[in-house]
Amino acid sequence: MQHPGVDQDDAGSVPLITIRCPADGRLVGTVPDLGRDGVVAAAAALRAAQPEWEAMGPKRRSRYLLRWLDWILDNEERLLSSVQQEAGKSWADAAVELAVVVDVINYFVANGEKFLADRKVKPAGVANAARRLRVQVRPHQLVGLITPWNGPLAGPMMDVVGALIAGAAVLSKPSEVTPLTWTEAVRGWREEIGAPLVLDCVNGSGETGAAVVDEVDMVMFTGSVRTGRRIAARAGERLIPCSLELGGKDAMIVLSDADLERAAGAAVWGSMMNVGQACVSVERVYVEASVYDEFVATVTEKVRTIRVGMDSAGSYQTEIGAMVTAGQVDIVERHVADAVAKGARILVGGKRGSAEGNFFEPTVLVDVDHSMACMREETFGPTLPIMKVADEAEALMLANDSEYGLSSSLWTRNRRRADRLSRRIEAGSVSINNAVVATFQLPVPMGGWKQSGVGTRFGGAHGVLKYCRQQSVVAERIELRSEPNWYPVRTDRSMLMAKVVRLLGAHDWRRRLGRAPKS
C-alpha cells in the first residue's frame, strides 16, 4: 500500500512515482522519476553555478540560509502536514523535524565563518622556523546527498546546511518513499527566496541514487548497511570521499543505582518516538537484576498509555503514528514472532494494529536473549526488548556483542562509574542518564562504529570541513638566493648540514657530537 508506484505522466515520457499515506493508503502526491539523464543534467547545472557561490564567502552564503529558514517557518504547517501525510507520523513526531531544521541552520550560520577561516600553524623544527604555515580549505564542488524515508525534512537538512555553508553545490536525492516534503523545500530554495541555484533535488529509484554517486565529488549517505557498502565501493572506484551513517542496534544499560522512573521514561520514548524508525532508537535494554522487575513494571505501565494514530495537523493528540512501509511492519512482526518462538514473553502489544494502514502496537518483550533477532538485527519499529543481567560487566559484554555501534545510553547516579563505563562501550556516542540526545549535539561528532558507518556528521567545525578539501600553504619569511640542500651537492656544505641535524635532533651529547659508542 505505501510503496511508491510508478506511472507515466500525460505525455507518457517521464515516469511518475506515486506516494501514498502509510496510515490509510490514500494518494498524497507524485514526483517525476528523473533517472540517470535527469541526474546528469542537474549535476551540470549545479557545477556551473557553484564557483560564484563559493566566491561569495560564508557570510553572504549564510544570508540565503537564513532566508530559507524564514520561508520554512512561514510555511511550517504546510511542510509539516506534508511530512505527516507521506510518512504517516503523529503531529508530535512531525513537529520534531522543524526543531531540527531550526537548530542546524542557526548553528552553522552562527559558526560557519569561524569554521572556514584559515588556520595558522606553528612550524616544526629549527630548519622551518623562518617559514609561515597555514591551512586553508576549498569545498568539494558538488556534494551528493542521499537520504532515507524516516525523516523527510530533518534528515536531508542535517547534512545539506554544512555543505552549503562550505561553498559546495548540493545534489540531493531523497527516498522515493517519502520525497514530497524535501522536493518542496528545495523548490522553496530555488524559486521563493532568490537564492543561487546551487541546490537541487532529483527523485527516482536506486538507479537515480547510483547516478548521483557517479556524478558528484563527495557523497553523504544515510541509510542501510547494504546500500552503504555499495556506495562505499563505487566511491572507492572513483576515488572520491564518502561519509556513511548506517544502521544501529542501540543498547541501553540500566544499573542498580539508576533513577528508575526517569530511565523507564527514556526507554519508552527512546524506543517508540517516530515509531522506532530512527537509527538511534533504543533497540535493546540491559537491566541489573536487582532493579529489573521494578524497571519492567514501570516501562510496561508507560507503554500501555501510548496513543497510536495519525492525528490532525497541530492537534498533538497521539504519541506515534503509522510505520512508513509495509515491509518494515513485516520485519517487526518477524522479530516478535521469532522472540516468542524462542521463549520470550510479550507484556504489551505484539501485533499489527487493527486499523487500516501500517500500524504496529507498541510492544514490550522480556525473557529475551541474544539468540533472538530482536536483539541482533536492526528492528526499526516500536518494540522494546528488555534483558536481565547479573552486573555491569555482563551488561557491557552484551551491549558490545553487536555488529552495530551507532549510539547508546548508560544509566547510573555515579558520575565516576558512568565515566569509566562509557569508555568501554563500543559505540559512536553515549548518552548518560538520557536517551538519543547525543545525536543532536551539534558541537560534537555523531557517527557510527563497526557496521554503523564511516565518518561522522556535525562535530562543530567538522560538520562543514568534511565537505572541503584542505590545502597547506607554506611561505618563506626570508628568501635566500639558494637553499642549503639545493643543487649542486657540495661535500663541505652537506657534511655541515649532517652535523647540524645531529646537534639539534639527538637527545644526548654523545650522539649530538657524533662520538662512537663506548665498547
Protein backbone atom coordinates (compact mmCIF):
# COMPACT_ATOMS: atom_id res chain seq x y z
CA MET A 1 0.00 0.00 0.00
CA GLN A 2 2.66 2.50 0.99
CA HIS A 3 5.28 1.54 -1.56
CA PRO A 4 5.71 4.15 -4.29
CA GLY A 5 4.15 3.15 -7.57
CA VAL A 6 5.41 4.22 -10.99
CA ASP A 7 3.02 5.70 -13.54
CA GLN A 8 3.51 7.68 -16.74
CA ASP A 9 2.75 11.38 -17.00
CA ASP A 10 0.17 12.61 -19.52
CA ALA A 11 2.76 12.81 -22.28
CA GLY A 12 3.94 9.29 -21.50
CA SER A 13 7.58 10.39 -21.42
CA VAL A 14 8.54 10.78 -17.74
CA PRO A 15 7.60 8.08 -15.24
CA LEU A 16 5.88 9.34 -12.11
CA ILE A 17 6.37 7.98 -8.61
CA THR A 18 3.12 7.92 -6.64
CA ILE A 19 3.22 8.49 -2.89
CA ARG A 20 0.54 7.13 -0.58
CA CYS A 21 -0.10 7.85 3.07
CA PRO A 22 1.08 4.93 5.25
CA ALA A 23 -1.82 5.48 7.66
CA ASP A 24 -4.66 4.92 5.18
CA GLY A 25 -3.27 4.31 1.70
CA ARG A 26 -4.68 7.42 0.03
CA LEU A 27 -2.72 9.14 -2.72
CA VAL A 28 -0.88 12.20 -1.39
CA GLY A 29 1.32 13.19 -4.33
CA THR A 30 3.59 12.32 -7.23
CA VAL A 31 7.14 13.17 -8.28
CA PRO A 32 8.90 12.54 -11.60
CA ASP A 33 11.34 9.64 -11.75
CA LEU A 34 14.24 11.52 -13.35
CA GLY A 35 16.63 8.61 -13.77
CA ARG A 36 20.26 8.92 -14.85
CA ASP A 37 19.69 11.54 -17.55
CA GLY A 38 17.99 13.86 -15.09
CA VAL A 39 20.86 13.48 -12.64
CA VAL A 40 23.47 14.25 -15.29
CA ALA A 41 21.63 17.42 -16.35
CA ALA A 42 21.12 18.60 -12.77
CA ALA A 43 24.76 17.96 -11.89
CA ALA A 44 26.00 20.01 -14.84
CA ALA A 45 23.80 22.96 -13.91
CA LEU A 46 24.94 22.83 -10.29
CA ARG A 47 28.60 22.76 -11.28
CA ALA A 48 28.08 25.81 -13.43
CA ALA A 49 26.53 27.73 -10.52
CA GLN A 50 28.98 26.67 -7.81
CA PRO A 51 32.01 28.93 -8.47
CA GLU A 52 30.03 32.11 -7.86
CA TRP A 53 28.52 30.58 -4.71
CA GLU A 54 31.96 29.71 -3.36
CA ALA A 55 33.28 33.18 -4.17
CA MET A 56 30.58 34.79 -2.01
CA GLY A 57 32.20 33.60 1.20
CA PRO A 58 30.41 32.11 4.22
CA LYS A 59 28.93 35.38 5.46
CA ARG A 60 26.97 36.07 2.27
CA ARG A 61 26.06 32.41 1.85
CA SER A 62 24.59 32.45 5.36
CA ARG A 63 22.12 35.15 4.37
CA TYR A 64 20.46 32.80 1.91
CA LEU A 65 20.26 30.04 4.50
CA LEU A 66 18.51 32.43 6.90
CA ARG A 67 16.10 33.44 4.12
CA TRP A 68 15.41 29.76 3.60
CA LEU A 69 14.76 29.29 7.31
CA ASP A 70 12.33 32.23 7.24
CA TRP A 71 10.50 30.67 4.31
CA ILE A 72 10.31 27.29 6.07
CA LEU A 73 8.92 28.90 9.22
CA ASP A 74 6.38 30.88 7.18
CA ASN A 75 5.26 27.59 5.60
CA GLU A 76 5.53 25.49 8.76
CA GLU A 77 2.08 23.94 8.84
CA ARG A 78 2.06 23.12 5.14
CA LEU A 79 5.50 21.48 5.26
CA LEU A 80 4.85 19.54 8.45
CA SER A 81 1.49 18.39 7.08
CA SER A 82 3.40 17.06 4.09
CA VAL A 83 5.82 15.24 6.40
CA GLN A 84 2.88 13.76 8.25
CA GLN A 85 0.96 12.70 5.16
CA GLU A 86 3.82 10.98 3.35
CA ALA A 87 5.38 9.36 6.44
CA GLY A 88 2.24 8.65 8.49
CA LYS A 89 3.63 10.40 11.56
CA SER A 90 1.87 11.74 14.59
CA TRP A 91 1.89 15.53 14.64
CA ALA A 92 4.25 15.43 17.63
CA ASP A 93 6.81 13.42 15.66
CA ALA A 94 6.39 15.61 12.59
CA ALA A 95 6.95 18.75 14.66
CA VAL A 96 10.32 17.46 15.87
CA GLU A 97 11.60 17.78 12.31
CA LEU A 98 11.12 21.54 12.33
CA ALA A 99 13.07 21.84 15.58
CA VAL A 100 16.00 20.03 13.94
CA VAL A 101 15.85 22.37 10.93
CA VAL A 102 15.93 25.47 13.12
CA ASP A 103 18.84 24.22 15.24
CA VAL A 104 21.01 23.07 12.33
CA ILE A 105 20.62 26.21 10.22
CA ASN A 106 21.15 28.58 13.13
CA TYR A 107 24.20 26.71 14.42
CA PHE A 108 26.10 26.59 11.15
CA VAL A 109 25.13 30.13 10.17
CA ALA A 110 26.43 31.40 13.52
CA ASN A 111 29.71 29.49 13.23
CA GLY A 112 30.36 28.99 9.53
CA GLU A 113 32.74 31.92 9.03
CA LYS A 114 34.83 30.82 12.03
CA PHE A 115 34.86 27.18 10.94
CA LEU A 116 36.10 28.08 7.44
CA ALA A 117 38.74 30.62 8.47
CA ASP A 118 42.36 29.99 7.52
CA ARG A 119 44.26 28.24 10.28
CA LYS A 120 47.78 29.42 11.11
CA VAL A 121 50.15 26.66 12.18
CA LYS A 122 53.41 26.86 14.12
CA PRO A 123 56.37 25.43 12.19
CA ALA A 124 58.11 22.30 13.49
CA GLY A 125 61.88 22.19 13.77
CA VAL A 126 64.58 24.86 13.65
CA ALA A 127 65.09 24.43 9.91
CA ASN A 128 61.50 25.55 9.32
CA ALA A 129 61.39 28.35 11.87
CA ALA A 130 61.58 31.03 9.19
CA ARG A 131 58.51 29.77 7.35
CA ARG A 132 54.86 30.79 7.66
CA LEU A 133 52.38 27.91 7.60
CA ARG A 134 48.64 27.98 7.17
CA VAL A 135 45.86 25.60 6.22
CA GLN A 136 43.05 26.86 4.01
CA VAL A 137 40.07 24.99 2.63
CA ARG A 138 38.17 24.77 -0.61
CA PRO A 139 34.82 22.97 -0.92
CA HIS A 140 34.22 19.91 -3.00
CA GLN A 141 32.46 21.45 -5.97
CA LEU A 142 29.49 19.09 -5.98
CA VAL A 143 28.30 17.11 -2.96
CA GLY A 144 25.80 14.28 -3.34
CA LEU A 145 23.29 13.80 -0.52
CA ILE A 146 21.23 10.59 -0.39
CA THR A 147 18.75 10.27 2.48
CA PRO A 148 16.25 7.67 3.82
CA TRP A 149 12.50 7.77 4.33
CA ASN A 150 12.21 8.16 8.10
CA GLY A 151 12.84 11.94 8.31
CA PRO A 152 11.61 13.61 5.12
CA LEU A 153 12.59 17.16 6.14
CA ALA A 154 15.04 16.87 9.05
CA GLY A 155 17.08 14.06 7.52
CA PRO A 156 18.39 15.98 4.49
CA MET A 157 18.67 19.22 6.46
CA MET A 158 21.09 17.65 8.94
CA ASP A 159 23.68 17.48 6.16
CA VAL A 160 22.79 19.97 3.44
CA VAL A 161 23.41 23.06 5.59
CA GLY A 162 27.05 22.25 6.31
CA ALA A 163 27.73 21.59 2.64
CA LEU A 164 26.09 24.83 1.51
CA ILE A 165 27.90 26.88 4.17
CA ALA A 166 31.15 25.30 2.97
CA GLY A 167 30.52 26.66 -0.53
CA ALA A 168 29.64 23.40 -2.26
CA ALA A 169 26.73 22.86 -4.59
CA VAL A 170 24.47 20.03 -3.45
CA LEU A 171 22.65 17.41 -5.50
CA SER A 172 20.15 15.76 -3.15
CA LYS A 173 18.23 12.55 -3.66
CA PRO A 174 15.52 11.84 -1.06
CA SER A 175 13.99 8.42 -0.61
CA GLU A 176 11.44 7.59 -3.30
CA VAL A 177 9.12 6.50 -0.47
CA THR A 178 8.90 9.99 1.14
CA PRO A 179 10.16 12.57 -1.40
CA LEU A 180 7.40 15.19 -1.27
CA THR A 181 8.46 17.45 1.59
CA TRP A 182 12.12 17.69 0.61
CA THR A 183 11.19 18.32 -3.02
CA GLU A 184 9.05 21.24 -1.88
CA ALA A 185 11.75 22.55 0.47
CA VAL A 186 14.26 22.56 -2.39
CA ARG A 187 11.70 24.27 -4.63
CA GLY A 188 11.45 26.95 -1.95
CA TRP A 189 15.22 27.49 -2.14
CA ARG A 190 15.24 27.64 -5.92
CA GLU A 191 12.09 29.68 -6.53
CA GLU A 192 11.00 31.58 -3.44
CA ILE A 193 13.99 33.25 -1.80
CA GLY A 194 16.16 34.43 -4.68
CA ALA A 195 18.96 32.02 -3.82
CA PRO A 196 21.63 30.94 -6.32
CA LEU A 197 20.75 27.64 -7.97
CA VAL A 198 23.31 25.58 -6.09
CA LEU A 199 20.83 23.14 -4.54
CA ASP A 200 18.70 20.68 -6.48
CA CYS A 201 16.61 17.61 -5.80
CA VAL A 202 16.47 14.59 -8.10
CA ASN A 203 13.80 11.97 -7.49
CA GLY A 204 13.89 8.38 -8.54
CA SER A 205 14.71 4.82 -7.60
CA GLY A 206 18.03 3.12 -6.93
CA GLU A 207 19.23 3.90 -10.46
CA THR A 208 18.89 7.60 -9.71
CA GLY A 209 20.86 7.24 -6.49
CA ALA A 210 23.62 5.33 -8.28
CA ALA A 211 23.81 8.10 -10.88
CA VAL A 212 24.24 10.67 -8.11
CA VAL A 213 27.25 8.75 -6.78
CA ASP A 214 28.69 8.69 -10.30
CA GLU A 215 28.32 12.44 -10.85
CA VAL A 216 29.43 14.11 -7.61
CA ASP A 217 32.77 14.80 -5.91
CA MET A 218 31.79 13.67 -2.41
CA VAL A 219 28.87 11.59 -1.09
CA MET A 220 26.97 11.84 2.20
CA PHE A 221 24.67 8.85 2.59
CA THR A 222 22.28 7.87 5.36
CA GLY A 223 20.55 4.51 5.08
CA SER A 224 21.02 0.77 5.19
CA VAL A 225 24.30 -1.08 5.60
CA ARG A 226 23.69 -2.94 2.36
CA THR A 227 23.30 0.21 0.27
CA GLY A 228 26.11 1.92 2.19
CA ARG A 229 28.51 -0.85 1.17
CA ARG A 230 27.63 -0.39 -2.50
CA ILE A 231 28.10 3.37 -2.27
CA ALA A 232 31.44 2.97 -0.50
CA ALA A 233 32.62 0.51 -3.15
CA ARG A 234 31.67 2.85 -6.00
CA ALA A 235 33.18 5.86 -4.23
CA GLY A 236 36.38 3.83 -3.83
CA GLU A 237 36.41 3.03 -7.54
CA ARG A 238 36.05 6.74 -8.32
CA LEU A 239 38.48 7.79 -5.56
CA ILE A 240 36.02 10.24 -4.05
CA PRO A 241 35.33 10.60 -0.32
CA CYS A 242 32.12 9.35 1.23
CA SER A 243 30.54 9.65 4.66
CA LEU A 244 28.11 6.92 5.67
CA GLU A 245 25.63 6.91 8.56
CA LEU A 246 24.16 3.43 8.55
CA GLY A 247 22.15 1.11 10.77
CA GLY A 248 22.02 0.87 14.53
CA LYS A 249 21.08 -1.53 17.31
CA ASP A 250 21.46 0.90 20.16
CA ALA A 251 21.85 -0.53 23.63
CA MET A 252 20.61 0.98 26.89
CA ILE A 253 22.27 -0.11 30.15
CA VAL A 254 20.33 0.44 33.38
CA LEU A 255 22.38 -0.11 36.53
CA SER A 256 21.11 -0.70 40.03
CA ASP A 257 21.75 2.88 41.19
CA ALA A 258 19.85 4.50 38.30
CA ASP A 259 16.84 6.79 38.65
CA LEU A 260 14.39 4.10 37.51
CA GLU A 261 11.42 6.39 36.86
CA ARG A 262 13.50 8.60 34.57
CA ALA A 263 15.22 5.62 32.95
CA ALA A 264 11.89 3.96 32.22
CA GLY A 265 10.51 7.13 30.66
CA ALA A 266 13.60 7.46 28.48
CA ALA A 267 13.44 3.83 27.41
CA VAL A 268 9.83 4.22 26.30
CA TRP A 269 10.38 7.49 24.47
CA GLY A 270 13.73 6.43 23.00
CA SER A 271 12.30 3.21 21.59
CA MET A 272 8.91 4.48 20.44
CA MET A 273 9.48 8.01 19.12
CA ASN A 274 8.97 8.11 15.36
CA VAL A 275 7.50 4.58 15.81
CA GLY A 276 11.02 3.33 16.48
CA GLN A 277 12.06 4.30 12.97
CA ALA A 278 15.30 6.07 13.85
CA CYS A 279 18.83 4.77 13.52
CA VAL A 280 19.46 5.92 17.11
CA SER A 281 16.32 4.41 18.64
CA VAL A 282 16.73 2.37 21.82
CA GLU A 283 16.53 -1.17 20.42
CA ARG A 284 17.60 -3.28 23.41
CA VAL A 285 17.84 -2.74 27.17
CA TYR A 286 20.05 -4.48 29.74
CA VAL A 287 18.97 -4.07 33.37
CA GLU A 288 20.79 -5.20 36.52
CA ALA A 289 18.87 -7.99 38.24
CA SER A 290 18.19 -6.15 41.50
CA VAL A 291 16.08 -3.47 39.77
CA TYR A 292 14.86 -5.46 36.78
CA ASP A 293 11.34 -6.21 37.98
CA GLU A 294 10.64 -2.63 39.04
CA PHE A 295 12.02 -1.25 35.79
CA VAL A 296 9.98 -3.65 33.64
CA ALA A 297 6.79 -2.88 35.53
CA THR A 298 7.30 0.88 35.15
CA VAL A 299 8.10 0.59 31.44
CA THR A 300 5.09 -1.64 30.78
CA GLU A 301 2.74 0.77 32.52
CA LYS A 302 4.05 3.67 30.45
CA VAL A 303 3.86 1.80 27.15
CA ARG A 304 0.21 0.90 27.80
CA THR A 305 -0.65 4.61 27.77
CA ILE A 306 0.86 5.33 24.32
CA ARG A 307 -1.75 6.60 21.88
CA VAL A 308 -1.34 5.39 18.32
CA GLY A 309 -2.67 7.07 15.19
CA MET A 310 -2.11 9.87 12.71
CA ASP A 311 -3.79 12.83 14.39
CA SER A 312 -4.82 16.06 12.67
CA ALA A 313 -2.38 18.87 11.98
CA GLY A 314 -1.44 20.84 15.07
CA SER A 315 -3.55 18.71 17.43
CA TYR A 316 -0.87 16.76 19.35
CA GLN A 317 -3.39 14.02 20.18
CA THR A 318 -1.24 10.90 19.70
CA GLU A 319 2.30 9.86 20.58
CA ILE A 320 3.12 7.78 17.49
CA GLY A 321 1.66 7.23 14.06
CA ALA A 322 1.98 4.60 11.34
CA MET A 323 5.14 2.90 10.16
CA VAL A 324 6.30 4.16 6.79
CA THR A 325 6.45 0.91 4.83
CA ALA A 326 4.57 -2.37 4.94
CA GLY A 327 7.90 -4.14 4.56
CA GLN A 328 9.11 -2.63 7.82
CA VAL A 329 5.95 -3.81 9.59
CA ASP A 330 6.76 -7.31 8.30
CA ILE A 331 10.25 -7.09 9.84
CA VAL A 332 8.87 -6.05 13.22
CA GLU A 333 6.29 -8.84 13.11
CA ARG A 334 9.01 -11.37 12.24
CA HIS A 335 11.24 -10.21 15.09
CA VAL A 336 8.44 -10.50 17.62
CA ALA A 337 7.37 -13.93 16.36
CA ASP A 338 10.97 -15.17 16.42
CA ALA A 339 11.42 -13.97 20.01
CA VAL A 340 8.23 -15.64 21.20
CA ALA A 341 9.14 -18.87 19.44
CA LYS A 342 12.45 -18.88 21.33
CA GLY A 343 10.92 -18.26 24.75
CA ALA A 344 10.29 -14.51 25.05
CA ARG A 345 7.09 -13.15 26.58
CA ILE A 346 5.03 -10.23 25.31
CA LEU A 347 3.93 -7.95 28.16
CA VAL A 348 2.07 -5.46 25.98
CA GLY A 349 1.39 -5.12 22.25
CA GLY A 350 2.97 -7.65 19.96
CA LYS A 351 0.81 -7.49 16.86
CA ARG A 352 -0.26 -5.36 13.93
CA GLY A 353 -2.74 -2.61 14.60
CA SER A 354 -6.40 -3.34 13.96
CA ALA A 355 -6.90 -0.17 11.92
CA GLU A 356 -6.16 0.24 8.24
CA GLY A 357 -2.59 1.21 7.47
CA ASN A 358 0.93 0.28 8.50
CA PHE A 359 0.39 0.21 12.26
CA PHE A 360 2.09 -2.00 14.82
CA GLU A 361 1.27 -1.96 18.53
CA PRO A 362 3.88 -0.58 20.95
CA THR A 363 5.48 -3.75 22.28
CA VAL A 364 7.48 -4.80 25.35
CA LEU A 365 9.35 -8.11 25.25
CA VAL A 366 11.01 -9.85 28.23
CA ASP A 367 12.89 -13.12 28.73
CA VAL A 368 14.90 -12.23 25.66
CA ASP A 369 18.44 -13.29 24.79
CA HIS A 370 20.98 -12.93 22.01
CA SER A 371 19.71 -15.93 20.08
CA MET A 372 16.74 -13.77 19.04
CA ALA A 373 16.58 -11.49 16.00
CA CYS A 374 15.13 -8.68 18.11
CA MET A 375 18.45 -8.49 19.99
CA ARG A 376 20.75 -8.92 16.98
CA GLU A 377 19.18 -7.33 13.89
CA GLU A 378 18.01 -3.76 13.45
CA THR A 379 14.25 -3.82 14.10
CA PHE A 380 13.40 -0.19 13.28
CA GLY A 381 9.99 -0.41 14.88
CA PRO A 382 8.02 0.15 18.12
CA THR A 383 9.47 -2.69 20.19
CA LEU A 384 11.39 -2.69 23.46
CA PRO A 385 13.14 -5.96 24.39
CA ILE A 386 14.44 -5.92 27.98
CA MET A 387 17.03 -8.39 29.25
CA LYS A 388 18.04 -9.10 32.86
CA VAL A 389 21.80 -9.10 33.58
CA ALA A 390 23.79 -10.00 36.67
CA ASP A 391 26.02 -6.92 36.80
CA GLU A 392 27.68 -4.13 34.82
CA ALA A 393 30.26 -6.50 33.33
CA GLU A 394 27.59 -8.68 31.73
CA ALA A 395 25.70 -5.60 30.56
CA LEU A 396 28.79 -4.23 28.83
CA MET A 397 29.64 -7.57 27.27
CA LEU A 398 26.15 -7.92 25.80
CA ALA A 399 25.89 -4.28 24.73
CA ASN A 400 29.14 -4.68 22.79
CA ASP A 401 28.11 -8.04 21.34
CA SER A 402 26.74 -6.48 18.17
CA GLU A 403 27.88 -5.74 14.65
CA TYR A 404 26.48 -2.24 15.12
CA GLY A 405 27.86 0.65 17.15
CA LEU A 406 25.97 3.85 16.48
CA SER A 407 24.70 5.19 19.80
CA SER A 408 24.00 4.01 23.33
CA SER A 409 22.81 5.15 26.74
CA LEU A 410 24.06 4.49 30.25
CA TRP A 411 22.08 4.94 33.46
CA THR A 412 23.71 5.41 36.87
CA ARG A 413 23.79 8.13 39.52
CA ASN A 414 27.53 7.64 40.00
CA ARG A 415 29.46 10.00 37.73
CA ARG A 416 32.77 8.19 38.08
CA ARG A 417 31.10 4.89 37.26
CA ALA A 418 29.44 6.47 34.22
CA ASP A 419 32.74 7.90 33.01
CA ARG A 420 34.55 4.61 33.48
CA LEU A 421 31.91 2.52 31.72
CA SER A 422 31.36 4.98 28.88
CA ARG A 423 34.98 4.40 27.82
CA ARG A 424 34.24 0.70 27.35
CA ILE A 425 31.06 0.98 25.28
CA GLU A 426 31.68 0.28 21.59
CA ALA A 427 29.50 2.96 20.04
CA GLY A 428 29.98 6.34 18.44
CA SER A 429 28.12 8.15 21.22
CA VAL A 430 26.98 7.55 24.77
CA SER A 431 24.12 9.45 26.42
CA ILE A 432 24.45 9.37 30.20
CA ASN A 433 21.11 9.41 32.04
CA ASN A 434 19.28 10.31 28.84
CA ALA A 435 18.42 8.67 25.54
CA VAL A 436 19.05 9.70 21.92
CA VAL A 437 20.21 13.24 22.87
CA ALA A 438 23.84 12.68 21.84
CA THR A 439 22.66 12.58 18.24
CA PHE A 440 21.61 16.21 18.18
CA GLN A 441 24.53 17.88 19.96
CA LEU A 442 25.89 19.83 17.02
CA PRO A 443 29.30 20.70 18.53
CA VAL A 444 30.27 17.01 18.92
CA PRO A 445 30.51 14.31 16.23
CA MET A 446 27.67 11.90 15.53
CA GLY A 447 28.86 8.77 13.79
CA GLY A 448 28.95 5.01 13.98
CA TRP A 449 31.49 2.35 14.79
CA LYS A 450 31.61 -1.13 13.27
CA GLN A 451 28.85 -1.63 10.66
CA SER A 452 27.09 1.59 11.68
CA GLY A 453 29.06 3.76 9.33
CA VAL A 454 32.18 5.58 8.21
CA GLY A 455 32.82 9.18 9.15
CA THR A 456 30.59 11.48 11.18
CA ARG A 457 28.11 14.31 10.83
CA PHE A 458 28.16 17.50 12.91
CA GLY A 459 31.12 17.77 15.28
CA GLY A 460 31.49 21.53 15.31
CA ALA A 461 33.80 22.66 12.51
CA HIS A 462 33.93 19.13 11.13
CA GLY A 463 30.29 19.46 10.11
CA VAL A 464 31.44 21.98 7.50
CA LEU A 465 35.04 20.93 6.85
CA LYS A 466 34.01 17.38 5.88
CA TYR A 467 32.69 18.93 2.67
CA CYS A 468 36.03 20.66 1.98
CA ARG A 469 39.50 19.84 0.75
CA GLN A 470 42.41 21.02 2.86
CA GLN A 471 45.22 22.96 1.28
CA SER A 472 48.54 23.62 3.00
CA VAL A 473 50.33 26.88 2.18
CA VAL A 474 53.99 27.40 3.09
CA ALA A 475 55.55 30.84 2.63
CA GLU A 476 59.14 31.99 3.24
CA ARG A 477 59.77 34.78 5.73
CA ILE A 478 63.33 35.23 4.37
CA GLU A 479 64.07 34.40 0.74
CA LEU A 480 67.70 33.34 0.18
CA ARG A 481 69.24 33.17 -3.27
CA SER A 482 69.60 29.42 -2.76
CA GLU A 483 68.65 26.83 -0.15
CA PRO A 484 71.42 24.76 1.53
CA ASN A 485 70.08 21.50 0.14
CA TRP A 486 69.67 22.70 -3.45
CA TYR A 487 71.96 21.50 -6.24
CA PRO A 488 74.84 21.25 -6.78
CA VAL A 489 75.68 18.90 -3.94
CA ARG A 490 78.80 20.17 -2.10
CA THR A 491 80.75 17.99 0.29
CA ASP A 492 81.56 20.67 2.86
CA ARG A 493 78.01 22.02 2.95
CA SER A 494 76.46 18.57 3.13
CA MET A 495 78.73 17.49 5.98
CA LEU A 496 77.91 20.66 7.89
CA MET A 497 74.18 20.04 7.43
CA ALA A 498 74.58 16.45 8.71
CA LYS A 499 76.31 17.73 11.85
CA VAL A 500 73.58 20.31 12.42
CA VAL A 501 70.88 17.63 12.11
CA ARG A 502 72.60 15.55 14.80
CA LEU A 503 73.25 18.51 17.06
CA LEU A 504 69.65 19.67 17.01
CA GLY A 505 67.90 16.29 16.80
CA ALA A 506 69.73 13.96 19.19
CA HIS A 507 68.87 13.78 22.88
CA ASP A 508 72.29 13.25 24.49
CA TRP A 509 75.68 14.90 23.99
CA ARG A 510 77.47 11.80 22.73
CA ARG A 511 75.08 11.44 19.84
CA ARG A 512 74.85 15.21 19.30
CA LEU A 513 78.62 15.35 18.83
CA GLY A 514 78.69 12.18 16.74
CA ARG A 515 81.02 10.27 19.06
CA ALA A 516 81.27 6.48 18.82
CA PRO A 517 79.50 4.42 21.50
CA LYS A 518 81.62 3.06 24.33
CA SER A 519 82.73 -0.52 23.81
